[in-house]
């Protein structure tokens, strides 16, 4: 019996809130085995992508200023949610990509552990001393978060690669926009949902799927 998932359309997630796509546009992902509808999702436009980037930029000052232990605590909670949500991820992967139970389960296990590994990096973002030509002076190089990072994740190992696209940038103090694959919109939506269920800071996670043949993504700097 083929796995099915909820037929409720998925909104974009921007600033940790559900948002309709511009013009209410949606697209439908078909189950590659049965040909039946697997997921109907919001079809993000270029304007929606820019809105997601703007929300991530607005969230950056607070997230980058958060101490490493606090960032680690958030990411560990997200990892726990990824583990707890494994049945949902498995059902979504099977319906959207035709995955086997074993491959979907492996995705969930490895993705949660990747998030935990990234969480352990928060205290390793350190500076270094560098030679100074001025006698009696010490020169320091300090690493700082860069800003908003775009993660583009494919469909073939969707939970692993979706988490990989965002975990380390978040650990280093950046905010992220996850561009979901149109072949697995619900699977990637669940990653953002894991952040929401973990109580992650507002505007930290965002999910923006685009339908096939979108002419361009965004010219936002």
N, C-alpha and C. Protein backbone atom coordinates (compact mmCIF):
# COMPACT_ATOMS: atom_id res chain seq x y z
N UNK A 1 0.85 -1.20 0.00
CA UNK A 1 0.00 0.00 0.00
C UNK A 1 0.88 1.24 0.00
N UNK A 2 0.62 2.18 -0.91
CA UNK A 2 1.44 3.38 -1.01
C UNK A 2 1.14 4.34 0.13
N UNK A 3 2.21 4.97 0.62
CA UNK A 3 2.04 5.93 1.70
C UNK A 3 1.38 7.19 1.17
N UNK A 4 0.55 7.79 1.99
CA UNK A 4 -0.07 9.06 1.66
C UNK A 4 0.19 10.04 2.79
N UNK A 5 0.13 11.33 2.48
CA UNK A 5 0.29 12.36 3.49
C UNK A 5 -0.90 13.29 3.41
N UNK A 6 -0.98 14.23 4.34
CA UNK A 6 -2.11 15.14 4.41
C UNK A 6 -2.28 15.90 3.10
N UNK A 7 -3.54 16.06 2.69
CA UNK A 7 -3.82 16.77 1.45
C UNK A 7 -3.88 18.28 1.65
N UNK A 8 -3.77 18.75 2.88
CA UNK A 8 -3.84 20.19 3.14
C UNK A 8 -2.69 20.90 2.44
N UNK A 9 -2.96 21.98 1.68
CA UNK A 9 -1.88 22.70 1.00
C UNK A 9 -0.90 23.29 2.01
N UNK A 10 0.36 23.31 1.64
CA UNK A 10 1.41 23.85 2.50
C UNK A 10 1.68 25.30 2.13
N UNK A 11 1.70 26.17 3.13
CA UNK A 11 2.09 27.56 2.91
C UNK A 11 3.61 27.69 2.94
N UNK A 12 4.10 28.83 2.47
CA UNK A 12 5.48 29.19 2.72
C UNK A 12 5.66 29.39 4.22
N UNK A 13 6.88 29.30 4.69
CA UNK A 13 7.19 29.68 6.07
C UNK A 13 8.18 30.83 6.00
N UNK A 14 7.75 32.00 6.41
CA UNK A 14 8.59 33.20 6.42
C UNK A 14 8.45 33.84 7.79
N UNK A 15 9.59 34.15 8.42
CA UNK A 15 9.58 34.66 9.79
C UNK A 15 8.85 33.70 10.72
N UNK A 16 9.05 32.42 10.48
CA UNK A 16 8.48 31.35 11.30
C UNK A 16 6.96 31.30 11.27
N UNK A 17 6.35 31.95 10.29
CA UNK A 17 4.89 31.98 10.18
C UNK A 17 4.46 31.48 8.80
N UNK A 18 3.28 30.83 8.72
CA UNK A 18 2.78 30.41 7.41
C UNK A 18 2.34 31.61 6.59
N UNK A 19 2.74 31.63 5.33
CA UNK A 19 2.44 32.75 4.44
C UNK A 19 2.01 32.19 3.08
N UNK A 20 0.91 32.73 2.54
CA UNK A 20 0.48 32.33 1.21
C UNK A 20 1.46 32.88 0.17
N UNK A 21 1.65 32.15 -0.91
CA UNK A 21 2.47 32.65 -2.00
C UNK A 21 1.77 33.82 -2.68
N UNK A 22 2.54 34.63 -3.36
CA UNK A 22 1.98 35.76 -4.09
C UNK A 22 0.89 35.28 -5.05
N UNK A 23 -0.28 35.91 -4.94
CA UNK A 23 -1.39 35.52 -5.79
C UNK A 23 -2.03 34.20 -5.42
N UNK A 24 -1.64 33.64 -4.26
CA UNK A 24 -2.20 32.36 -3.84
C UNK A 24 -1.79 31.18 -4.71
N UNK A 25 -0.70 31.32 -5.44
CA UNK A 25 -0.29 30.27 -6.38
C UNK A 25 0.16 29.01 -5.64
N UNK A 26 -0.14 27.87 -6.22
CA UNK A 26 0.29 26.59 -5.68
C UNK A 26 0.76 25.68 -6.83
N UNK A 27 1.43 24.61 -6.47
CA UNK A 27 1.75 23.56 -7.43
C UNK A 27 1.60 22.22 -6.72
N UNK A 28 1.48 21.16 -7.49
CA UNK A 28 1.25 19.84 -6.92
C UNK A 28 2.38 18.89 -7.31
N UNK A 29 2.92 18.22 -6.31
CA UNK A 29 3.92 17.18 -6.53
C UNK A 29 3.22 15.83 -6.57
N UNK A 30 3.48 15.07 -7.63
CA UNK A 30 2.86 13.76 -7.78
C UNK A 30 3.76 12.67 -7.21
N UNK A 31 3.14 11.65 -6.66
CA UNK A 31 3.87 10.47 -6.23
C UNK A 31 4.49 9.81 -7.47
N UNK A 32 5.82 9.64 -7.51
CA UNK A 32 6.45 9.14 -8.72
C UNK A 32 6.11 7.68 -9.03
N UNK A 33 5.54 6.96 -8.08
CA UNK A 33 5.19 5.56 -8.30
C UNK A 33 3.73 5.43 -8.74
N UNK A 34 2.84 6.08 -8.00
CA UNK A 34 1.41 5.93 -8.29
C UNK A 34 0.87 6.96 -9.26
N UNK A 35 1.57 8.11 -9.37
CA UNK A 35 1.07 9.20 -10.19
C UNK A 35 0.00 10.02 -9.52
N UNK A 36 -0.37 9.67 -8.29
CA UNK A 36 -1.38 10.42 -7.55
C UNK A 36 -0.75 11.64 -6.87
N UNK A 37 -1.59 12.63 -6.55
CA UNK A 37 -1.09 13.82 -5.88
C UNK A 37 -0.51 13.46 -4.52
N UNK A 38 0.72 13.91 -4.28
CA UNK A 38 1.36 13.67 -2.99
C UNK A 38 1.29 14.91 -2.10
N UNK A 39 1.59 16.08 -2.68
CA UNK A 39 1.62 17.31 -1.90
C UNK A 39 1.21 18.48 -2.78
N UNK A 40 0.39 19.36 -2.25
CA UNK A 40 0.12 20.65 -2.88
C UNK A 40 0.77 21.71 -2.01
N UNK A 41 1.60 22.54 -2.63
CA UNK A 41 2.39 23.50 -1.87
C UNK A 41 2.33 24.87 -2.50
N UNK A 42 2.56 25.89 -1.69
CA UNK A 42 2.64 27.26 -2.18
C UNK A 42 3.78 27.37 -3.18
N UNK A 43 3.53 28.09 -4.27
CA UNK A 43 4.53 28.29 -5.32
C UNK A 43 5.12 29.68 -5.17
N UNK A 44 6.30 29.75 -4.59
CA UNK A 44 6.90 31.05 -4.29
C UNK A 44 7.30 31.77 -5.57
N UNK A 45 7.08 33.07 -5.58
CA UNK A 45 7.50 33.93 -6.67
C UNK A 45 8.82 34.59 -6.30
N UNK A 46 9.37 35.38 -7.22
CA UNK A 46 10.58 36.14 -6.90
C UNK A 46 10.31 37.10 -5.74
N UNK A 47 9.12 37.72 -5.73
CA UNK A 47 8.78 38.62 -4.63
C UNK A 47 8.74 37.88 -3.30
N UNK A 48 8.24 36.65 -3.31
CA UNK A 48 8.21 35.85 -2.08
C UNK A 48 9.63 35.52 -1.62
N UNK A 49 10.51 35.22 -2.57
CA UNK A 49 11.90 34.91 -2.22
C UNK A 49 12.58 36.13 -1.60
N UNK A 50 12.30 37.30 -2.15
CA UNK A 50 12.88 38.52 -1.59
C UNK A 50 12.34 38.77 -0.19
N UNK A 51 11.04 38.51 0.02
CA UNK A 51 10.46 38.67 1.35
C UNK A 51 11.13 37.73 2.36
N UNK A 52 11.43 36.50 1.93
CA UNK A 52 12.12 35.56 2.82
C UNK A 52 13.51 36.06 3.16
N UNK A 53 14.23 36.59 2.16
CA UNK A 53 15.57 37.11 2.41
C UNK A 53 15.52 38.32 3.34
N UNK A 54 14.52 39.19 3.14
CA UNK A 54 14.38 40.36 4.01
C UNK A 54 14.09 39.94 5.45
N UNK A 55 13.26 38.92 5.62
CA UNK A 55 12.95 38.45 6.97
C UNK A 55 14.18 37.85 7.63
N UNK A 56 14.97 37.13 6.86
CA UNK A 56 16.21 36.56 7.40
C UNK A 56 17.18 37.66 7.79
N UNK A 57 17.25 38.71 6.99
CA UNK A 57 18.13 39.84 7.31
C UNK A 57 17.67 40.54 8.59
N UNK A 58 16.36 40.65 8.77
CA UNK A 58 15.83 41.29 9.98
C UNK A 58 16.13 40.46 11.22
N UNK A 59 16.19 39.14 11.05
CA UNK A 59 16.46 38.26 12.19
C UNK A 59 17.94 38.17 12.52
N UNK A 60 18.79 38.59 11.59
CA UNK A 60 20.23 38.38 11.76
C UNK A 60 20.83 39.06 12.99
N UNK A 61 20.53 40.34 13.27
CA UNK A 61 21.18 40.98 14.43
C UNK A 61 20.97 40.23 15.74
N UNK A 62 19.75 39.79 15.99
CA UNK A 62 19.47 39.10 17.26
C UNK A 62 20.12 37.72 17.31
N UNK A 63 20.03 36.97 16.21
CA UNK A 63 20.59 35.62 16.21
C UNK A 63 22.12 35.65 16.29
N UNK A 64 22.76 36.55 15.55
CA UNK A 64 24.22 36.61 15.56
C UNK A 64 24.75 37.10 16.90
N UNK A 65 23.94 37.88 17.63
CA UNK A 65 24.36 38.37 18.94
C UNK A 65 24.15 37.35 20.04
N UNK A 66 23.40 36.29 19.76
CA UNK A 66 23.13 35.27 20.76
C UNK A 66 24.43 34.52 21.07
N UNK A 67 24.65 34.23 22.34
CA UNK A 67 25.86 33.54 22.74
C UNK A 67 25.95 32.13 22.19
N UNK A 68 27.16 31.58 22.11
CA UNK A 68 27.33 30.25 21.52
C UNK A 68 26.58 29.15 22.27
N UNK A 69 26.52 29.24 23.59
CA UNK A 69 25.80 28.21 24.34
C UNK A 69 24.30 28.27 24.06
N UNK A 70 23.77 29.48 23.89
CA UNK A 70 22.34 29.63 23.59
C UNK A 70 22.04 29.11 22.19
N UNK A 71 22.91 29.40 21.22
CA UNK A 71 22.70 28.88 19.86
C UNK A 71 22.77 27.36 19.86
N UNK A 72 23.72 26.82 20.61
CA UNK A 72 23.84 25.36 20.68
C UNK A 72 22.58 24.74 21.27
N UNK A 73 22.03 25.35 22.31
CA UNK A 73 20.82 24.80 22.94
C UNK A 73 19.67 24.76 21.95
N UNK A 74 19.53 25.80 21.13
CA UNK A 74 18.46 25.83 20.13
C UNK A 74 18.64 24.70 19.12
N UNK A 75 19.85 24.55 18.61
CA UNK A 75 20.09 23.54 17.59
C UNK A 75 19.94 22.12 18.14
N UNK A 76 20.28 21.92 19.40
CA UNK A 76 20.07 20.59 20.00
C UNK A 76 18.59 20.27 20.13
N UNK A 77 17.79 21.29 20.45
CA UNK A 77 16.34 21.07 20.51
C UNK A 77 15.79 20.73 19.12
N UNK A 78 16.31 21.40 18.10
CA UNK A 78 15.89 21.09 16.73
C UNK A 78 16.26 19.66 16.37
N UNK A 79 17.46 19.24 16.76
CA UNK A 79 17.89 17.86 16.49
C UNK A 79 16.94 16.86 17.14
N UNK A 80 16.53 17.15 18.36
CA UNK A 80 15.58 16.26 19.03
C UNK A 80 14.25 16.20 18.29
N UNK A 81 13.83 17.34 17.75
CA UNK A 81 12.59 17.36 16.98
C UNK A 81 12.73 16.56 15.68
N UNK A 82 13.87 16.67 15.04
CA UNK A 82 14.09 15.89 13.82
C UNK A 82 13.96 14.39 14.11
N UNK A 83 14.47 13.98 15.26
CA UNK A 83 14.34 12.58 15.65
C UNK A 83 12.89 12.21 15.93
N UNK A 84 12.21 13.06 16.69
CA UNK A 84 10.82 12.78 17.07
C UNK A 84 9.89 12.77 15.86
N UNK A 85 10.21 13.56 14.85
CA UNK A 85 9.36 13.69 13.67
C UNK A 85 9.69 12.67 12.58
N UNK A 86 10.52 11.71 12.88
CA UNK A 86 10.93 10.73 11.87
C UNK A 86 9.75 10.09 11.13
N UNK A 87 8.68 9.68 11.82
CA UNK A 87 7.56 9.09 11.08
C UNK A 87 6.97 10.03 10.03
N UNK A 88 6.91 11.33 10.33
CA UNK A 88 6.38 12.29 9.37
C UNK A 88 7.33 12.45 8.18
N UNK A 89 8.62 12.54 8.47
CA UNK A 89 9.60 12.64 7.38
C UNK A 89 9.56 11.41 6.48
N UNK A 90 9.47 10.24 7.09
CA UNK A 90 9.47 9.00 6.31
C UNK A 90 8.25 8.94 5.40
N UNK A 91 7.08 9.28 5.93
CA UNK A 91 5.87 9.28 5.11
C UNK A 91 5.97 10.26 3.96
N UNK A 92 6.52 11.46 4.24
CA UNK A 92 6.64 12.47 3.19
C UNK A 92 7.63 12.04 2.12
N UNK A 93 8.77 11.50 2.53
CA UNK A 93 9.77 11.05 1.55
C UNK A 93 9.23 9.94 0.66
N UNK A 94 8.52 9.00 1.26
CA UNK A 94 7.98 7.88 0.48
C UNK A 94 6.94 8.37 -0.53
N UNK A 95 6.10 9.31 -0.11
CA UNK A 95 5.05 9.80 -0.99
C UNK A 95 5.59 10.70 -2.09
N UNK A 96 6.58 11.54 -1.77
CA UNK A 96 7.05 12.54 -2.73
C UNK A 96 8.17 12.04 -3.63
N UNK A 97 9.03 11.17 -3.11
CA UNK A 97 10.21 10.76 -3.88
C UNK A 97 10.23 9.27 -4.19
N UNK A 98 9.28 8.50 -3.68
CA UNK A 98 9.30 7.07 -3.90
C UNK A 98 10.36 6.36 -3.10
N UNK A 99 10.80 6.99 -2.03
CA UNK A 99 11.87 6.43 -1.19
C UNK A 99 11.45 5.13 -0.53
N UNK A 100 12.43 4.31 -0.21
CA UNK A 100 12.17 3.14 0.61
C UNK A 100 12.11 3.55 2.08
N UNK A 101 11.53 2.72 2.90
CA UNK A 101 11.46 2.96 4.34
C UNK A 101 12.86 3.09 4.93
N UNK A 102 13.77 2.21 4.52
CA UNK A 102 15.12 2.21 5.10
C UNK A 102 15.88 3.49 4.75
N UNK A 103 15.79 3.93 3.49
CA UNK A 103 16.50 5.13 3.08
C UNK A 103 15.94 6.37 3.77
N UNK A 104 14.64 6.44 3.89
CA UNK A 104 14.03 7.58 4.58
C UNK A 104 14.42 7.59 6.05
N UNK A 105 14.42 6.43 6.69
CA UNK A 105 14.82 6.36 8.08
C UNK A 105 16.27 6.75 8.29
N UNK A 106 17.14 6.34 7.37
CA UNK A 106 18.55 6.72 7.45
C UNK A 106 18.70 8.23 7.31
N UNK A 107 17.93 8.84 6.41
CA UNK A 107 17.94 10.29 6.26
C UNK A 107 17.65 10.98 7.58
N UNK A 108 16.63 10.52 8.28
CA UNK A 108 16.24 11.14 9.54
C UNK A 108 17.33 11.00 10.59
N UNK A 109 17.89 9.81 10.71
CA UNK A 109 18.92 9.56 11.71
C UNK A 109 20.15 10.43 11.46
N UNK A 110 20.63 10.43 10.21
CA UNK A 110 21.85 11.17 9.91
C UNK A 110 21.62 12.67 10.02
N UNK A 111 20.47 13.16 9.56
CA UNK A 111 20.19 14.60 9.63
C UNK A 111 20.16 15.09 11.07
N UNK A 112 19.53 14.34 11.97
CA UNK A 112 19.51 14.74 13.37
C UNK A 112 20.91 14.78 13.95
N UNK A 113 21.73 13.80 13.60
CA UNK A 113 23.11 13.79 14.11
C UNK A 113 23.95 14.90 13.50
N UNK A 114 23.67 15.25 12.25
CA UNK A 114 24.37 16.39 11.63
C UNK A 114 24.03 17.68 12.35
N UNK A 115 22.77 17.84 12.76
CA UNK A 115 22.38 19.03 13.51
C UNK A 115 23.09 19.06 14.86
N UNK A 116 23.21 17.91 15.52
CA UNK A 116 23.92 17.86 16.80
C UNK A 116 25.41 18.18 16.60
N UNK A 117 25.98 17.68 15.52
CA UNK A 117 27.38 17.98 15.23
C UNK A 117 27.58 19.47 15.00
N UNK A 118 26.67 20.08 14.26
CA UNK A 118 26.75 21.52 14.03
C UNK A 118 26.62 22.29 15.33
N UNK A 119 25.74 21.83 16.21
CA UNK A 119 25.56 22.50 17.50
C UNK A 119 26.86 22.52 18.29
N UNK A 120 27.67 21.47 18.15
CA UNK A 120 28.93 21.41 18.89
C UNK A 120 29.96 22.40 18.37
N UNK A 121 29.71 22.98 17.19
CA UNK A 121 30.67 23.91 16.60
C UNK A 121 30.52 25.33 17.12
N UNK A 122 29.44 25.64 17.83
CA UNK A 122 29.19 27.04 18.18
C UNK A 122 30.30 27.64 19.02
N UNK A 123 30.95 26.85 19.87
CA UNK A 123 32.03 27.38 20.71
C UNK A 123 33.38 27.33 20.02
N UNK A 124 33.43 26.84 18.79
CA UNK A 124 34.70 26.75 18.06
C UNK A 124 34.90 27.90 17.08
N UNK A 125 33.93 28.80 17.01
CA UNK A 125 34.07 29.97 16.13
C UNK A 125 34.93 30.98 16.88
N UNK A 126 36.23 30.91 16.67
CA UNK A 126 37.17 31.69 17.47
C UNK A 126 38.07 32.53 16.57
N UNK A 127 38.75 33.48 17.17
CA UNK A 127 39.71 34.30 16.45
C UNK A 127 41.12 33.72 16.59
N UNK A 128 42.10 34.52 16.19
CA UNK A 128 43.49 34.10 16.32
C UNK A 128 44.39 35.32 16.38
N UNK A 129 45.57 35.12 16.94
CA UNK A 129 46.57 36.20 16.95
C UNK A 129 47.38 36.12 15.67
N UNK A 130 47.76 37.29 15.17
CA UNK A 130 48.55 37.35 13.95
C UNK A 130 49.75 38.26 14.20
N UNK A 131 50.85 38.07 13.47
CA UNK A 131 52.05 38.88 13.70
C UNK A 131 51.78 40.37 13.50
N UNK A 132 52.40 41.17 14.35
CA UNK A 132 52.25 42.63 14.25
C UNK A 132 53.62 43.26 14.03
N UNK A 133 53.68 44.23 13.13
CA UNK A 133 54.93 44.94 12.87
C UNK A 133 55.20 46.02 13.91
N UNK A 134 54.23 46.30 14.76
CA UNK A 134 54.40 47.35 15.76
C UNK A 134 54.86 46.72 17.07
N UNK A 135 56.03 47.09 17.56
CA UNK A 135 56.56 46.48 18.79
C UNK A 135 55.61 46.65 19.97
N UNK A 136 55.47 45.59 20.74
CA UNK A 136 54.65 45.65 21.95
C UNK A 136 53.16 45.52 21.69
N UNK A 137 52.78 45.30 20.45
CA UNK A 137 51.35 45.18 20.12
C UNK A 137 51.00 43.75 19.72
N UNK A 138 49.78 43.39 20.00
CA UNK A 138 49.26 42.09 19.60
C UNK A 138 48.09 42.33 18.65
N UNK A 139 48.13 41.69 17.49
CA UNK A 139 47.05 41.83 16.51
C UNK A 139 46.12 40.62 16.61
N UNK A 140 44.84 40.88 16.56
CA UNK A 140 43.85 39.82 16.68
C UNK A 140 42.96 39.80 15.43
N UNK A 141 42.64 38.62 14.98
CA UNK A 141 41.65 38.43 13.91
C UNK A 141 40.42 37.78 14.52
N UNK A 142 39.27 38.39 14.31
CA UNK A 142 38.02 37.91 14.90
C UNK A 142 37.08 37.47 13.79
N UNK A 143 36.53 36.27 13.92
CA UNK A 143 35.56 35.77 12.95
C UNK A 143 34.16 36.21 13.35
N UNK A 144 33.43 36.72 12.37
CA UNK A 144 32.06 37.18 12.61
C UNK A 144 31.12 36.52 11.61
N UNK A 145 29.86 36.41 12.01
CA UNK A 145 28.85 35.86 11.10
C UNK A 145 28.73 36.74 9.86
N UNK A 146 28.48 36.12 8.72
CA UNK A 146 28.46 36.84 7.45
C UNK A 146 27.14 37.53 7.17
N UNK A 147 26.02 36.95 7.62
CA UNK A 147 24.71 37.53 7.33
C UNK A 147 23.70 36.45 6.96
N UNK A 148 23.01 36.66 5.85
CA UNK A 148 21.99 35.71 5.40
C UNK A 148 22.62 34.71 4.43
N UNK A 149 22.38 33.43 4.67
CA UNK A 149 22.91 32.36 3.83
C UNK A 149 21.75 31.67 3.12
N UNK A 150 21.90 31.47 1.82
CA UNK A 150 20.90 30.74 1.03
C UNK A 150 21.32 29.28 0.94
N UNK A 151 20.42 28.39 1.35
CA UNK A 151 20.65 26.96 1.20
C UNK A 151 19.71 26.41 0.14
N UNK A 152 20.27 25.75 -0.87
CA UNK A 152 19.48 25.14 -1.93
C UNK A 152 19.66 23.63 -1.82
N UNK A 153 18.61 22.95 -1.44
CA UNK A 153 18.71 21.51 -1.17
C UNK A 153 18.02 20.70 -2.26
N UNK A 154 18.64 19.61 -2.72
CA UNK A 154 18.02 18.73 -3.72
C UNK A 154 17.09 17.72 -3.08
N UNK A 155 16.54 16.85 -3.92
CA UNK A 155 15.49 15.93 -3.50
C UNK A 155 15.99 14.54 -3.16
N UNK A 156 17.20 14.17 -3.60
CA UNK A 156 17.57 12.75 -3.57
C UNK A 156 17.95 12.23 -2.19
N UNK A 157 18.39 13.12 -1.31
CA UNK A 157 18.58 12.77 0.11
C UNK A 157 18.05 13.97 0.89
N UNK A 158 16.76 14.22 0.81
CA UNK A 158 16.21 15.53 1.15
C UNK A 158 16.39 15.98 2.59
N UNK A 159 16.28 15.07 3.54
CA UNK A 159 16.43 15.48 4.93
C UNK A 159 17.90 15.73 5.24
N UNK A 160 18.76 14.84 4.81
CA UNK A 160 20.20 15.02 5.02
C UNK A 160 20.69 16.31 4.38
N UNK A 161 20.38 16.50 3.10
CA UNK A 161 20.92 17.64 2.37
C UNK A 161 20.22 18.94 2.74
N UNK A 162 18.96 18.87 3.14
CA UNK A 162 18.28 20.06 3.62
C UNK A 162 18.88 20.56 4.92
N UNK A 163 19.15 19.65 5.84
CA UNK A 163 19.76 20.03 7.11
C UNK A 163 21.20 20.48 6.89
N UNK A 164 21.93 19.78 6.04
CA UNK A 164 23.32 20.17 5.77
C UNK A 164 23.42 21.59 5.23
N UNK A 165 22.42 22.01 4.46
CA UNK A 165 22.45 23.34 3.84
C UNK A 165 22.33 24.46 4.86
N UNK A 166 21.78 24.18 6.04
CA UNK A 166 21.50 25.27 6.98
C UNK A 166 22.16 25.11 8.34
N UNK A 167 22.56 23.90 8.74
CA UNK A 167 22.98 23.67 10.12
C UNK A 167 24.25 24.44 10.49
N UNK A 168 25.30 24.31 9.70
CA UNK A 168 26.55 24.98 10.05
C UNK A 168 26.44 26.50 9.94
N UNK A 169 25.81 27.05 8.89
CA UNK A 169 25.62 28.51 8.89
C UNK A 169 24.90 29.02 10.13
N UNK A 170 23.86 28.31 10.58
CA UNK A 170 23.16 28.72 11.80
C UNK A 170 24.06 28.64 13.01
N UNK A 171 24.85 27.59 13.11
CA UNK A 171 25.75 27.43 14.25
C UNK A 171 26.75 28.57 14.33
N UNK A 172 27.14 29.10 13.17
CA UNK A 172 28.13 30.18 13.12
C UNK A 172 27.50 31.56 13.28
N UNK A 173 26.19 31.63 13.51
CA UNK A 173 25.54 32.91 13.78
C UNK A 173 24.86 33.55 12.60
N UNK A 174 24.81 32.86 11.46
CA UNK A 174 24.09 33.39 10.30
C UNK A 174 22.61 33.01 10.37
N UNK A 175 21.79 33.75 9.66
CA UNK A 175 20.41 33.31 9.44
C UNK A 175 20.33 32.70 8.04
N UNK A 176 19.26 31.97 7.77
CA UNK A 176 19.23 31.19 6.53
C UNK A 176 17.88 31.30 5.82
N UNK A 177 17.93 31.14 4.52
CA UNK A 177 16.76 30.90 3.68
C UNK A 177 16.96 29.53 3.04
N UNK A 178 16.05 28.62 3.27
CA UNK A 178 16.12 27.30 2.65
C UNK A 178 15.21 27.28 1.43
N UNK A 179 15.81 27.12 0.26
CA UNK A 179 15.04 26.97 -0.97
C UNK A 179 14.76 25.48 -1.13
N UNK A 180 13.52 25.10 -0.92
CA UNK A 180 13.15 23.69 -0.97
C UNK A 180 13.11 23.19 -2.41
N UNK A 181 13.35 21.90 -2.57
CA UNK A 181 13.23 21.27 -3.88
C UNK A 181 11.76 21.08 -4.22
N UNK A 182 11.39 21.39 -5.46
CA UNK A 182 9.99 21.24 -5.87
C UNK A 182 9.57 19.77 -5.90
N UNK A 183 10.54 18.85 -5.91
CA UNK A 183 10.22 17.43 -5.92
C UNK A 183 9.88 16.88 -4.54
N UNK A 184 10.16 17.64 -3.49
CA UNK A 184 9.85 17.16 -2.13
C UNK A 184 9.48 18.32 -1.21
N UNK A 185 8.46 19.10 -1.56
CA UNK A 185 8.14 20.29 -0.77
C UNK A 185 7.76 19.98 0.66
N UNK A 186 6.98 18.92 0.89
CA UNK A 186 6.58 18.62 2.28
C UNK A 186 7.77 18.15 3.11
N UNK A 187 8.63 17.36 2.52
CA UNK A 187 9.80 16.88 3.26
C UNK A 187 10.64 18.05 3.74
N UNK A 188 10.87 19.03 2.88
CA UNK A 188 11.66 20.19 3.28
C UNK A 188 10.86 21.12 4.19
N UNK A 189 9.56 21.17 4.02
CA UNK A 189 8.72 21.95 4.94
C UNK A 189 8.87 21.43 6.36
N UNK A 190 8.99 20.12 6.51
CA UNK A 190 9.10 19.53 7.84
C UNK A 190 10.38 19.97 8.56
N UNK A 191 11.44 20.30 7.80
CA UNK A 191 12.66 20.80 8.44
C UNK A 191 12.37 22.13 9.12
N UNK A 192 11.71 23.03 8.41
CA UNK A 192 11.34 24.31 9.02
C UNK A 192 10.37 24.11 10.17
N UNK A 193 9.46 23.15 10.03
CA UNK A 193 8.52 22.86 11.10
C UNK A 193 9.24 22.35 12.34
N UNK A 194 10.34 21.63 12.18
CA UNK A 194 11.11 21.17 13.33
C UNK A 194 11.65 22.35 14.13
N UNK A 195 12.06 23.41 13.44
CA UNK A 195 12.51 24.62 14.14
C UNK A 195 11.37 25.24 14.92
N UNK A 196 10.19 25.31 14.30
CA UNK A 196 9.04 25.91 14.98
C UNK A 196 8.66 25.10 16.21
N UNK A 197 8.62 23.78 16.09
CA UNK A 197 8.25 22.94 17.23
C UNK A 197 9.29 22.99 18.34
N UNK A 198 10.53 23.27 17.97
CA UNK A 198 11.59 23.38 18.97
C UNK A 198 11.58 24.73 19.67
N UNK A 199 10.70 25.64 19.23
CA UNK A 199 10.65 26.97 19.84
C UNK A 199 11.83 27.83 19.46
N UNK A 200 12.37 27.62 18.25
CA UNK A 200 13.51 28.41 17.79
C UNK A 200 13.12 29.87 17.68
N UNK A 201 14.10 30.78 17.80
CA UNK A 201 13.79 32.21 17.72
C UNK A 201 13.01 32.58 16.47
N UNK A 202 12.11 33.51 16.62
CA UNK A 202 11.26 33.95 15.51
C UNK A 202 12.12 34.41 14.33
N UNK A 203 11.67 34.05 13.15
CA UNK A 203 12.31 34.46 11.90
C UNK A 203 13.63 33.74 11.65
N UNK A 204 13.89 32.69 12.42
CA UNK A 204 15.13 31.96 12.19
C UNK A 204 15.02 31.00 11.02
N UNK A 205 13.90 30.31 10.92
CA UNK A 205 13.73 29.31 9.86
C UNK A 205 12.73 29.80 8.83
N UNK A 206 13.00 29.45 7.58
CA UNK A 206 12.05 29.84 6.53
C UNK A 206 12.15 28.82 5.39
N UNK A 207 11.06 28.61 4.76
CA UNK A 207 10.94 27.56 3.75
C UNK A 207 10.29 28.15 2.52
N UNK A 208 10.95 28.11 1.38
CA UNK A 208 10.44 28.76 0.18
C UNK A 208 10.57 27.84 -1.02
N UNK A 209 9.54 27.04 -1.32
CA UNK A 209 9.60 26.21 -2.53
C UNK A 209 9.18 27.01 -3.75
N UNK A 210 9.77 26.68 -4.88
CA UNK A 210 9.36 27.30 -6.14
C UNK A 210 8.98 26.21 -7.12
N UNK A 211 7.99 26.45 -7.94
CA UNK A 211 7.56 25.42 -8.88
C UNK A 211 8.58 25.24 -10.00
N UNK A 212 8.50 24.14 -10.73
CA UNK A 212 9.39 23.97 -11.88
C UNK A 212 9.22 25.11 -12.88
N UNK A 213 10.30 25.44 -13.57
CA UNK A 213 10.31 26.44 -14.65
C UNK A 213 10.13 27.86 -14.14
N UNK A 214 10.41 28.12 -12.86
CA UNK A 214 10.46 29.50 -12.40
C UNK A 214 11.62 30.18 -13.12
N UNK A 215 11.40 31.31 -13.81
CA UNK A 215 12.44 31.86 -14.68
C UNK A 215 13.69 32.32 -13.96
N UNK A 216 13.56 32.89 -12.80
CA UNK A 216 14.72 33.32 -12.04
C UNK A 216 14.33 33.35 -10.58
N UNK A 217 15.32 33.29 -9.71
CA UNK A 217 15.02 33.23 -8.30
C UNK A 217 14.90 34.63 -7.70
N UNK A 218 15.98 35.39 -7.72
CA UNK A 218 15.94 36.71 -7.13
C UNK A 218 17.22 37.44 -7.46
N UNK A 219 17.12 38.76 -7.61
CA UNK A 219 18.32 39.58 -7.80
C UNK A 219 18.68 40.31 -6.53
N UNK A 220 18.07 39.92 -5.41
CA UNK A 220 18.36 40.58 -4.14
C UNK A 220 19.82 40.39 -3.77
N UNK A 221 20.50 41.44 -3.26
CA UNK A 221 21.91 41.30 -2.89
C UNK A 221 22.07 40.40 -1.69
